[in-house]
Amino acid sequence: MTAQRIDGKAFAEGLRAKVAALAATFERQAARKAGLAVVLVGEDPASEVYVRNKGRQTVACGMASFEHRLPATTTRAELLALVEKLNRDRFVDGILVQLPLPAHLDELEVIAAIAPDKDVDGFHVINAGRLAVGQPGFVPCTPLGCVMLLKDRLGDLSGLDAVVIGRSNIVGKPMAQLLLAESCTVTVAHSRTRDLPAVVRRADIVVAAVGRPEMVRGEWIRPGATVIDVGINRVPGAEPGKTRLVGDVHFASASEVAGAITPVPGGVGPMTIAVLLRNALVAAYRNEGLELDSAAI
């Protein structure tokens, strides 16, 4: 068996096209563009690239991008004042503070300062609570993107046995909540799970979000299962001084067993920004009191 590759890049392109069309409709109805504000503190190279990509894709979708780049010496009071200013700005529909922050700043405090209805990253404790009890709110972008890929591949997920490897607040926990909402039977596994391969082997759906390069091996996978690899790990390449990206799943061996699998790169990664733009557009419609057909996006 050779697994079908789940093309996250192509799906993300389609999602961005839908966002662009609905953003144009929003602009006609609201007489303004939907707006996304991104705050970057410091000069972390990976964050710089990510913020630059977000800004470019935001503009490409016909939305307004507000970038705020602050020095690493920014104080707590200065950052919180900026967040409060963005909370009050009616032209800003979504706020994202790029993580990680410099060590002297409390990430949880900063996230808590963002207005929940502008928290398009879905990290605010109120949005986490809304997800847990099934109320409308914003969901972290990566797990929501994973569910979109799963439903595109499998259709109805009801009754399927799903194992999520990883229990982070950003991916693992919200992923489990989303799969429960789709009526899956969900197991959250982690580093202390006893006989992890056996737990994974019974799953119809495996979501690997543990941050360990190629930890999940092909012999762990149930034949025909769908594997979503959230991991992005940089490891030494074949040539001295070179590196390559791998996931949390050993792609070659898993591909021989799984029914479908996301590659790394080109799988889950492209979905994150696309879903962020989707969340920002949803926020814009809500903030203006306009109706948005959720099935359209």
C-alpha atoms as a PDB file:
ATOM      1  CA  MET A   1       0.000   0.000   0.000  1.00  0.00           C
ATOM      2  CA  THR A   2       1.218   3.480  -0.872  1.00  0.00           C
ATOM      3  CA  ALA A   3      -0.510   6.247   1.041  1.00  0.00           C
ATOM      4  CA  GLN A   4      -2.195   9.128  -0.749  1.00  0.00           C
ATOM      5  CA  ARG A   5      -0.462  12.426  -0.053  1.00  0.00           C
ATOM      6  CA  ILE A   6      -2.757  15.021   1.489  1.00  0.00           C
ATOM      7  CA  ASP A   7      -1.819  18.254  -0.260  1.00  0.00           C
ATOM      8  CA  GLY A   8      -2.110  20.994   2.353  1.00  0.00           C
ATOM      9  CA  LYS A   9      -0.556  23.540   0.033  1.00  0.00           C
ATOM     10  CA  ALA A  10      -3.305  23.097  -2.584  1.00  0.00           C
ATOM     11  CA  PHE A  11      -6.056  23.120   0.056  1.00  0.00           C
ATOM     12  CA  ALA A  12      -4.628  26.303   1.596  1.00  0.00           C
ATOM     13  CA  GLU A  13      -4.615  27.994  -1.819  1.00  0.00           C
ATOM     14  CA  GLY A  14      -8.285  27.157  -2.232  1.00  0.00           C
ATOM     15  CA  LEU A  15      -9.109  28.447   1.243  1.00  0.00           C
ATOM     16  CA  ARG A  16      -7.280  31.719   0.586  1.00  0.00           C
ATOM     17  CA  ALA A  17      -9.249  32.128  -2.650  1.00  0.00           C
ATOM     18  CA  LYS A  18     -12.499  31.789  -0.690  1.00  0.00           C
ATOM     19  CA  VAL A  19     -11.226  34.293   1.888  1.00  0.00           C
ATOM     20  CA  ALA A  20     -10.331  36.769  -0.867  1.00  0.00           C
ATOM     21  CA  ALA A  21     -13.792  36.524  -2.442  1.00  0.00           C
ATOM     22  CA  LEU A  22     -15.556  37.016   0.890  1.00  0.00           C
ATOM     23  CA  ALA A  23     -13.155  39.819   1.855  1.00  0.00           C
ATOM     24  CA  ALA A  24     -14.219  41.683  -1.290  1.00  0.00           C
ATOM     25  CA  THR A  25     -17.865  41.206  -0.319  1.00  0.00           C
ATOM     26  CA  PHE A  26     -17.113  42.467   3.186  1.00  0.00           C
ATOM     27  CA  GLU A  27     -15.401  45.572   1.823  1.00  0.00           C
ATOM     28  CA  ARG A  28     -18.457  46.415  -0.299  1.00  0.00           C
ATOM     29  CA  GLN A  29     -20.823  45.946   2.633  1.00  0.00           C
ATOM     30  CA  ALA A  30     -18.753  47.579   5.386  1.00  0.00           C
ATOM     31  CA  ALA A  31     -17.057  50.274   3.265  1.00  0.00           C
ATOM     32  CA  ARG A  32     -13.703  49.220   4.672  1.00  0.00           C
ATOM     33  CA  LYS A  33     -11.288  46.316   4.480  1.00  0.00           C
ATOM     34  CA  ALA A  34     -11.141  43.589   7.069  1.00  0.00           C
ATOM     35  CA  GLY A  35      -8.041  44.263   9.181  1.00  0.00           C
ATOM     36  CA  LEU A  36      -5.448  42.011  10.804  1.00  0.00           C
ATOM     37  CA  ALA A  37      -2.848  43.419  13.202  1.00  0.00           C
ATOM     38  CA  VAL A  38       0.344  41.475  13.902  1.00  0.00           C
ATOM     39  CA  VAL A  39       2.696  42.449  16.725  1.00  0.00           C
ATOM     40  CA  LEU A  40       6.317  41.293  16.638  1.00  0.00           C
ATOM     41  CA  VAL A  41       8.585  41.951  19.608  1.00  0.00           C
ATOM     42  CA  GLY A  42      12.292  41.403  19.059  1.00  0.00           C
ATOM     43  CA  GLU A  43      14.151  39.963  16.091  1.00  0.00           C
ATOM     44  CA  ASP A  44      13.643  36.208  16.196  1.00  0.00           C
ATOM     45  CA  PRO A  45      14.553  35.068  12.630  1.00  0.00           C
ATOM     46  CA  ALA A  46      11.797  32.462  12.328  1.00  0.00           C
ATOM     47  CA  SER A  47       9.211  34.929  13.614  1.00  0.00           C
ATOM     48  CA  GLU A  48      10.443  37.572  11.167  1.00  0.00           C
ATOM     49  CA  VAL A  49       9.820  35.217   8.237  1.00  0.00           C
ATOM     50  CA  TYR A  50       6.434  34.159   9.571  1.00  0.00           C
ATOM     51  CA  VAL A  51       5.254  37.742  10.124  1.00  0.00           C
ATOM     52  CA  ARG A  52       6.442  38.762   6.668  1.00  0.00           C
ATOM     53  CA  ASN A  53       4.490  35.872   5.098  1.00  0.00           C
ATOM     54  CA  LYS A  54       1.386  36.740   7.088  1.00  0.00           C
ATOM     55  CA  GLY A  55       1.509  40.359   5.954  1.00  0.00           C
ATOM     56  CA  ARG A  56       2.003  39.432   2.320  1.00  0.00           C
ATOM     57  CA  GLN A  57      -0.833  36.902   2.289  1.00  0.00           C
ATOM     58  CA  THR A  58      -3.164  39.247   4.186  1.00  0.00           C
ATOM     59  CA  VAL A  59      -2.752  41.930   1.529  1.00  0.00           C
ATOM     60  CA  ALA A  60      -3.042  39.357  -1.278  1.00  0.00           C
ATOM     61  CA  CYS A  61      -6.461  38.372   0.081  1.00  0.00           C
ATOM     62  CA  GLY A  62      -7.666  41.969  -0.052  1.00  0.00           C
ATOM     63  CA  MET A  63      -7.427  42.629   3.664  1.00  0.00           C
ATOM     64  CA  ALA A  64      -5.618  45.391   5.546  1.00  0.00           C
ATOM     65  CA  SER A  65      -2.376  44.395   7.277  1.00  0.00           C
ATOM     66  CA  PHE A  66      -1.205  46.367  10.311  1.00  0.00           C
ATOM     67  CA  GLU A  67       2.296  45.353  11.387  1.00  0.00           C
ATOM     68  CA  HIS A  68       3.763  46.592  14.660  1.00  0.00           C
ATOM     69  CA  ARG A  69       7.468  45.763  15.109  1.00  0.00           C
ATOM     70  CA  LEU A  70       8.802  46.515  18.561  1.00  0.00           C
ATOM     71  CA  PRO A  71      12.340  46.218  19.942  1.00  0.00           C
ATOM     72  CA  ALA A  72      13.294  43.354  22.248  1.00  0.00           C
ATOM     73  CA  THR A  73      13.607  45.935  25.059  1.00  0.00           C
ATOM     74  CA  THR A  74       9.880  46.745  24.913  1.00  0.00           C
ATOM     75  CA  THR A  75       8.434  46.839  28.426  1.00  0.00           C
ATOM     76  CA  ARG A  76       5.382  45.035  29.707  1.00  0.00           C
ATOM     77  CA  ALA A  77       3.502  48.314  30.020  1.00  0.00           C
ATOM     78  CA  GLU A  78       4.373  49.365  26.465  1.00  0.00           C
ATOM     79  CA  LEU A  79       3.231  46.074  24.953  1.00  0.00           C
ATOM     80  CA  LEU A  80       0.004  45.941  26.942  1.00  0.00           C
ATOM     81  CA  ALA A  81      -0.744  49.555  25.971  1.00  0.00           C
ATOM     82  CA  LEU A  82      -0.378  48.668  22.285  1.00  0.00           C
ATOM     83  CA  VAL A  83      -2.672  45.655  22.657  1.00  0.00           C
ATOM     84  CA  GLU A  84      -5.291  47.810  24.356  1.00  0.00           C
ATOM     85  CA  LYS A  85      -5.019  50.393  21.585  1.00  0.00           C
ATOM     86  CA  LEU A  86      -5.621  47.675  18.984  1.00  0.00           C
ATOM     87  CA  ASN A  87      -8.556  46.328  20.997  1.00  0.00           C
ATOM     88  CA  ARG A  88     -10.225  49.743  20.669  1.00  0.00           C
ATOM     89  CA  ASP A  89      -9.412  50.246  16.975  1.00  0.00           C
ATOM     90  CA  ARG A  90     -12.547  49.487  14.916  1.00  0.00           C
ATOM     91  CA  PHE A  91     -10.468  48.972  11.778  1.00  0.00           C
ATOM     92  CA  VAL A  92      -8.579  46.108  13.435  1.00  0.00           C
ATOM     93  CA  ASP A  93     -10.666  42.933  13.452  1.00  0.00           C
ATOM     94  CA  GLY A  94      -8.002  40.456  14.489  1.00  0.00           C
ATOM     95  CA  ILE A  95      -4.927  40.762  16.710  1.00  0.00           C
ATOM     96  CA  LEU A  96      -2.023  38.344  16.724  1.00  0.00           C
ATOM     97  CA  VAL A  97       0.981  38.735  19.006  1.00  0.00           C
ATOM     98  CA  GLN A  98       3.765  36.641  17.514  1.00  0.00           C
ATOM     99  CA  LEU A  99       5.248  34.079  19.889  1.00  0.00           C
ATOM    100  CA  PRO A 100       7.714  33.512  21.421  1.00  0.00           C
ATOM    101  CA  LEU A 101       8.110  36.804  23.236  1.00  0.00           C
ATOM    102  CA  PRO A 102      11.352  37.944  24.896  1.00  0.00           C
ATOM    103  CA  ALA A 103      11.887  36.238  28.244  1.00  0.00           C
ATOM    104  CA  HIS A 104      10.978  39.286  30.359  1.00  0.00           C
ATOM    105  CA  LEU A 105       7.427  39.381  28.947  1.00  0.00           C
ATOM    106  CA  ASP A 106       4.658  37.086  30.205  1.00  0.00           C
ATOM    107  CA  GLU A 107       3.055  35.425  27.170  1.00  0.00           C
ATOM    108  CA  LEU A 108      -0.088  34.348  29.047  1.00  0.00           C
ATOM    109  CA  GLU A 109      -0.630  37.877  30.359  1.00  0.00           C
ATOM    110  CA  VAL A 110      -0.281  39.358  26.873  1.00  0.00           C
ATOM    111  CA  ILE A 111      -2.651  36.805  25.325  1.00  0.00           C
ATOM    112  CA  ALA A 112      -5.171  37.479  28.095  1.00  0.00           C
ATOM    113  CA  ALA A 113      -5.041  41.203  27.254  1.00  0.00           C
ATOM    114  CA  ILE A 114      -6.315  40.618  23.699  1.00  0.00           C
ATOM    115  CA  ALA A 115     -10.072  41.075  23.318  1.00  0.00           C
ATOM    116  CA  PRO A 116     -11.479  37.528  22.897  1.00  0.00           C
ATOM    117  CA  ASP A 117     -13.468  38.553  19.807  1.00  0.00           C
ATOM    118  CA  LYS A 118     -10.227  39.754  18.169  1.00  0.00           C
ATOM    119  CA  ASP A 119      -8.181  36.759  19.313  1.00  0.00           C
ATOM    120  CA  VAL A 120      -7.865  35.157  15.867  1.00  0.00           C
ATOM    121  CA  ASP A 121      -5.095  32.843  17.121  1.00  0.00           C
ATOM    122  CA  GLY A 122      -7.657  31.266  19.452  1.00  0.00           C
ATOM    123  CA  PHE A 123      -5.291  31.236  22.427  1.00  0.00           C
ATOM    124  CA  HIS A 124      -7.337  33.332  24.882  1.00  0.00           C
ATOM    125  CA  VAL A 125      -8.696  31.346  27.833  1.00  0.00           C
ATOM    126  CA  ILE A 126     -12.230  32.488  26.969  1.00  0.00           C
ATOM    127  CA  ASN A 127     -11.936  31.059  23.460  1.00  0.00           C
ATOM    128  CA  ALA A 128     -10.461  27.860  24.910  1.00  0.00           C
ATOM    129  CA  GLY A 129     -13.498  27.648  27.181  1.00  0.00           C
ATOM    130  CA  ARG A 130     -15.877  28.311  24.311  1.00  0.00           C
ATOM    131  CA  LEU A 131     -14.317  25.461  22.370  1.00  0.00           C
ATOM    132  CA  ALA A 132     -14.567  23.130  25.365  1.00  0.00           C
ATOM    133  CA  VAL A 133     -18.312  23.713  25.823  1.00  0.00           C
ATOM    134  CA  GLY A 134     -19.182  23.950  22.140  1.00  0.00           C
ATOM    135  CA  GLN A 135     -19.884  27.673  21.903  1.00  0.00           C
ATOM    136  CA  PRO A 136     -18.834  29.802  18.911  1.00  0.00           C
ATOM    137  CA  GLY A 137     -15.346  31.240  19.280  1.00  0.00           C
ATOM    138  CA  PHE A 138     -11.946  31.255  17.665  1.00  0.00           C
ATOM    139  CA  VAL A 139      -9.975  28.029  17.449  1.00  0.00           C
ATOM    140  CA  PRO A 140      -6.177  27.796  17.138  1.00  0.00           C
ATOM    141  CA  CYS A 141      -5.311  27.823  13.457  1.00  0.00           C
ATOM    142  CA  THR A 142      -3.208  24.674  13.135  1.00  0.00           C
ATOM    143  CA  PRO A 143      -5.704  22.197  14.652  1.00  0.00           C
ATOM    144  CA  LEU A 144      -8.592  23.797  12.756  1.00  0.00           C
ATOM    145  CA  GLY A 145      -6.591  23.388   9.563  1.00  0.00           C
ATOM    146  CA  CYS A 146      -5.984  19.730  10.437  1.00  0.00           C
ATOM    147  CA  VAL A 147      -9.724  19.107  10.830  1.00  0.00           C
ATOM    148  CA  MET A 148     -10.372  20.775   7.469  1.00  0.00           C
ATOM    149  CA  LEU A 149      -7.868  18.423   5.817  1.00  0.00           C
ATOM    150  CA  LEU A 150      -9.388  15.395   7.550  1.00  0.00           C
ATOM    151  CA  LYS A 151     -12.945  16.243   6.515  1.00  0.00           C
ATOM    152  CA  ASP A 152     -11.826  16.930   2.962  1.00  0.00           C
ATOM    153  CA  ARG A 153     -10.193  13.488   2.864  1.00  0.00           C
ATOM    154  CA  LEU A 154     -12.683  11.417   4.887  1.00  0.00           C
ATOM    155  CA  GLY A 155     -15.960  13.345   4.854  1.00  0.00           C
ATOM    156  CA  ASP A 156     -17.952  12.501   7.980  1.00  0.00           C
ATOM    157  CA  LEU A 157     -15.592  11.759  10.880  1.00  0.00           C
ATOM    158  CA  SER A 158     -18.343  10.496  13.187  1.00  0.00           C
ATOM    159  CA  GLY A 159     -17.449   7.314  15.044  1.00  0.00           C
ATOM    160  CA  LEU A 160     -13.830   7.164  13.947  1.00  0.00           C
ATOM    161  CA  ASP A 161     -11.136   6.327  16.483  1.00  0.00           C
ATOM    162  CA  ALA A 162      -8.622   9.195  16.707  1.00  0.00           C
ATOM    163  CA  VAL A 163      -5.335   9.414  18.596  1.00  0.00           C
ATOM    164  CA  VAL A 164      -3.718  12.808  19.176  1.00  0.00           C
ATOM    165  CA  ILE A 165      -0.069  12.553  20.183  1.00  0.00           C
ATOM    166  CA  GLY A 166       0.743  15.711  22.136  1.00  0.00           C
ATOM    167  CA  ARG A 167      -1.130  17.747  24.727  1.00  0.00           C
ATOM    168  CA  SER A 168      -0.075  21.348  24.119  1.00  0.00           C
ATOM    169  CA  ASN A 169      -2.530  24.221  24.470  1.00  0.00           C
ATOM    170  CA  ILE A 170      -1.763  25.286  20.902  1.00  0.00           C
ATOM    171  CA  VAL A 171      -2.327  21.985  19.073  1.00  0.00           C
ATOM    172  CA  GLY A 172      -2.940  18.857  21.128  1.00  0.00           C
ATOM    173  CA  LYS A 173      -5.749  19.944  23.449  1.00  0.00           C
ATOM    174  CA  PRO A 174      -7.770  21.974  20.905  1.00  0.00           C
ATOM    175  CA  MET A 175      -7.257  19.198  18.337  1.00  0.00           C
ATOM    176  CA  ALA A 176      -8.841  16.716  20.723  1.00  0.00           C
ATOM    177  CA  GLN A 177     -11.762  19.072  21.387  1.00  0.00           C
ATOM    178  CA  LEU A 178     -12.375  19.576  17.664  1.00  0.00           C
ATOM    179  CA  LEU A 179     -12.344  15.836  17.001  1.00  0.00           C
ATOM    180  CA  LEU A 180     -14.780  15.295  19.882  1.00  0.00           C
ATOM    181  CA  ALA A 181     -17.048  17.892  18.292  1.00  0.00           C
ATOM    182  CA  GLU A 182     -16.943  15.778  15.108  1.00  0.00           C
ATOM    183  CA  SER A 183     -18.101  12.762  17.191  1.00  0.00           C
ATOM    184  CA  CYS A 184     -14.785  10.919  17.051  1.00  0.00           C
ATOM    185  CA  THR A 185     -13.653   8.677  19.870  1.00  0.00           C
ATOM    186  CA  VAL A 186     -10.526  10.519  20.997  1.00  0.00           C
ATOM    187  CA  THR A 187      -7.436   9.441  22.900  1.00  0.00           C
ATOM    188  CA  VAL A 188      -4.829  12.058  23.865  1.00  0.00           C
ATOM    189  CA  ALA A 189      -1.440  10.367  24.091  1.00  0.00           C
ATOM    190  CA  HIS A 190       1.851  11.867  25.239  1.00  0.00           C
ATOM    191  CA  SER A 191       5.367  11.117  26.440  1.00  0.00           C
ATOM    192  CA  ARG A 192       4.130   9.181  29.484  1.00  0.00           C
ATOM    193  CA  THR A 193       1.575   7.051  27.649  1.00  0.00           C
ATOM    194  CA  ARG A 194       2.222   3.367  28.285  1.00  0.00           C
ATOM    195  CA  ASP A 195       2.837   1.306  25.131  1.00  0.00           C
ATOM    196  CA  LEU A 196       2.353   4.291  22.830  1.00  0.00           C
ATOM    197  CA  PRO A 197       2.755   2.231  19.622  1.00  0.00           C
ATOM    198  CA  ALA A 198      -0.165  -0.005  20.636  1.00  0.00           C
ATOM    199  CA  VAL A 199      -2.336   3.017  21.409  1.00  0.00           C
ATOM    200  CA  VAL A 200      -1.558   4.582  18.035  1.00  0.00           C
ATOM    201  CA  ARG A 201      -2.041   1.294  16.157  1.00  0.00           C
ATOM    202  CA  ARG A 202      -5.765   1.139  16.940  1.00  0.00           C
ATOM    203  CA  ALA A 203      -6.536   4.578  15.460  1.00  0.00           C
ATOM    204  CA  ASP A 204      -8.335   5.421  12.229  1.00  0.00           C
ATOM    205  CA  ILE A 205      -6.885   8.933  12.545  1.00  0.00           C
ATOM    206  CA  VAL A 206      -3.441   9.764  13.927  1.00  0.00           C
ATOM    207  CA  VAL A 207      -2.478  13.378  14.621  1.00  0.00           C
ATOM    208  CA  ALA A 208       1.190  13.689  15.564  1.00  0.00           C
ATOM    209  CA  ALA A 209       2.029  16.933  17.364  1.00  0.00           C
ATOM    210  CA  VAL A 210       4.756  15.971  19.793  1.00  0.00           C
ATOM    211  CA  GLY A 211       7.803  17.837  18.440  1.00  0.00           C
ATOM    212  CA  ARG A 212      10.117  14.824  18.118  1.00  0.00           C
ATOM    213  CA  PRO A 213      11.616  14.170  14.674  1.00  0.00           C
ATOM    214  CA  GLU A 214      10.262  11.022  12.994  1.00  0.00           C
ATOM    215  CA  MET A 215       9.180   9.493  16.302  1.00  0.00           C
ATOM    216  CA  VAL A 216       6.063   7.790  14.913  1.00  0.00           C
ATOM    217  CA  ARG A 217       7.140   4.792  12.845  1.00  0.00           C
ATOM    218  CA  GLY A 218       5.319   2.919  10.129  1.00  0.00           C
ATOM    219  CA  GLU A 219       4.831  -0.149  12.326  1.00  0.00           C
ATOM    220  CA  TRP A 220       2.795   2.031  14.698  1.00  0.00           C
ATOM    221  CA  ILE A 221       0.211   2.827  12.025  1.00  0.00           C
ATOM    222  CA  ARG A 222      -2.961   0.834  11.451  1.00  0.00           C
ATOM    223  CA  PRO A 223      -3.247  -0.184   7.756  1.00  0.00           C
ATOM    224  CA  GLY A 224      -5.353   2.385   5.908  1.00  0.00           C
ATOM    225  CA  ALA A 225      -5.288   4.992   8.696  1.00  0.00           C
ATOM    226  CA  THR A 226      -5.141   8.706   7.948  1.00  0.00           C
ATOM    227  CA  VAL A 227      -2.043  10.390   9.374  1.00  0.00           C
ATOM    228  CA  ILE A 228      -1.796  14.133  10.024  1.00  0.00           C
ATOM    229  CA  ASP A 229       1.775  15.188  10.800  1.00  0.00           C
ATOM    230  CA  VAL A 230       1.915  18.549  12.563  1.00  0.00           C
ATOM    231  CA  GLY A 231       5.628  18.365  13.346  1.00  0.00           C
ATOM    232  CA  ILE A 232       8.179  20.654  11.715  1.00  0.00           C
ATOM    233  CA  ASN A 233      11.675  19.667  12.792  1.00  0.00           C
ATOM    234  CA  ARG A 234      14.979  20.746  11.272  1.00  0.00           C
ATOM    235  CA  VAL A 235      17.562  17.953  11.242  1.00  0.00           C
ATOM    236  CA  PRO A 236      20.997  17.498   9.628  1.00  0.00           C
ATOM    237  CA  GLY A 237      20.856  16.982   5.868  1.00  0.00           C
ATOM    238  CA  ALA A 238      22.744  14.576   3.642  1.00  0.00           C
ATOM    239  CA  GLU A 239      25.476  17.129   2.959  1.00  0.00           C
ATOM    240  CA  PRO A 240      27.710  18.601   5.680  1.00  0.00           C
ATOM    241  CA  GLY A 241      26.336  21.908   6.965  1.00  0.00           C
ATOM    242  CA  LYS A 242      22.943  21.362   5.317  1.00  0.00           C
ATOM    243  CA  THR A 243      19.628  20.746   7.054  1.00  0.00           C
ATOM    244  CA  ARG A 244      16.255  19.366   6.042  1.00  0.00           C
ATOM    245  CA  LEU A 245      12.731  19.481   7.425  1.00  0.00           C
ATOM    246  CA  VAL A 246      11.021  16.376   8.753  1.00  0.00           C
ATOM    247  CA  GLY A 247       7.831  15.786  10.659  1.00  0.00           C
ATOM    248  CA  ASP A 248       7.029  13.868  13.820  1.00  0.00           C
ATOM    249  CA  VAL A 249       6.182  10.855  11.622  1.00  0.00           C
ATOM    250  CA  HIS A 250       8.723   8.748   9.746  1.00  0.00           C
ATOM    251  CA  PHE A 251       7.204   9.501   6.348  1.00  0.00           C
ATOM    252  CA  ALA A 252       8.772   6.712   4.285  1.00  0.00           C
ATOM    253  CA  SER A 253       7.721   3.845   6.546  1.00  0.00           C
ATOM    254  CA  ALA A 254       4.316   5.331   7.427  1.00  0.00           C
ATOM    255  CA  SER A 255       3.510   5.878   3.751  1.00  0.00           C
ATOM    256  CA  GLU A 256       3.755   2.126   3.165  1.00  0.00           C
ATOM    257  CA  VAL A 257       0.963   1.466   5.661  1.00  0.00           C
ATOM    258  CA  ALA A 258      -1.304   4.513   5.903  1.00  0.00           C
ATOM    259  CA  GLY A 259      -4.203   5.227   3.600  1.00  0.00           C
ATOM    260  CA  ALA A 260      -3.359   8.930   3.469  1.00  0.00           C
ATOM    261  CA  ILE A 261      -0.693  11.123   5.038  1.00  0.00           C
ATOM    262  CA  THR A 262       0.407  14.765   5.102  1.00  0.00           C
ATOM    263  CA  PRO A 263       3.981  15.385   3.949  1.00  0.00           C
ATOM    264  CA  VAL A 264       6.470  17.709   5.650  1.00  0.00           C
ATOM    265  CA  PRO A 265       6.825  20.266   4.207  1.00  0.00           C
ATOM    266  CA  GLY A 266       3.670  20.889   2.184  1.00  0.00           C
ATOM    267  CA  GLY A 267       1.088  19.337   4.483  1.00  0.00           C
ATOM    268  CA  VAL A 268      -0.207  21.048   7.612  1.00  0.00           C
ATOM    269  CA  GLY A 269       2.223  23.979   7.476  1.00  0.00           C
ATOM    270  CA  PRO A 270       0.557  25.985   4.678  1.00  0.00           C
ATOM    271  CA  MET A 271      -2.803  25.652   6.419  1.00  0.00           C
ATOM    272  CA  THR A 272      -1.876  27.717   9.471  1.00  0.00           C
ATOM    273  CA  ILE A 273      -1.716  31.145   7.817  1.00  0.00           C
ATOM    274  CA  ALA A 274      -4.679  30.352   5.544  1.00  0.00           C
ATOM    275  CA  VAL A 275      -6.822  29.531   8.596  1.00  0.00           C
ATOM    276  CA  LEU A 276      -5.549  32.653  10.372  1.00  0.00           C
ATOM    277  CA  LEU A 277      -6.829  34.754   7.455  1.00  0.00           C
ATOM    278  CA  ARG A 278     -10.099  32.852   7.584  1.00  0.00           C
ATOM    279  CA  ASN A 279     -10.432  33.615  11.315  1.00  0.00           C
ATOM    280  CA  ALA A 280      -9.648  37.313  10.749  1.00  0.00           C
ATOM    281  CA  LEU A 281     -12.356  37.526   8.105  1.00  0.00           C
ATOM    282  CA  VAL A 282     -14.889  35.813  10.376  1.00  0.00           C
ATOM    283  CA  ALA A 283     -13.972  38.344  13.082  1.00  0.00           C
ATOM    284  CA  ALA A 284     -14.547  41.213  10.648  1.00  0.00           C
ATOM    285  CA  TYR A 285     -18.025  40.005   9.749  1.00  0.00           C
ATOM    286  CA  ARG A 286     -18.913  39.531  13.413  1.00  0.00           C
ATOM    287  CA  ASN A 287     -17.517  42.919  14.438  1.00  0.00           C
ATOM    288  CA  GLU A 288     -19.651  44.661  11.818  1.00  0.00           C
ATOM    289  CA  GLY A 289     -22.728  42.565  12.596  1.00  0.00           C
ATOM    290  CA  LEU A 290     -22.793  41.109   9.094  1.00  0.00           C
ATOM    291  CA  GLU A 291     -23.963  37.604   8.253  1.00  0.00           C
ATOM    292  CA  LEU A 292     -21.429  35.091   6.963  1.00  0.00           C
ATOM    293  CA  ASP A 293     -22.349  31.645   5.696  1.00  0.00           C
ATOM    294  CA  SER A 294     -19.985  29.415   7.690  1.00  0.00           C
ATOM    295  CA  ALA A 295     -20.291  26.703   5.039  1.00  0.00           C
ATOM    296  CA  ALA A 296     -18.687  29.077   2.519  1.00  0.00           C
ATOM    297  CA  ILE A 297     -15.453  29.170   4.481  1.00  0.00           C
END
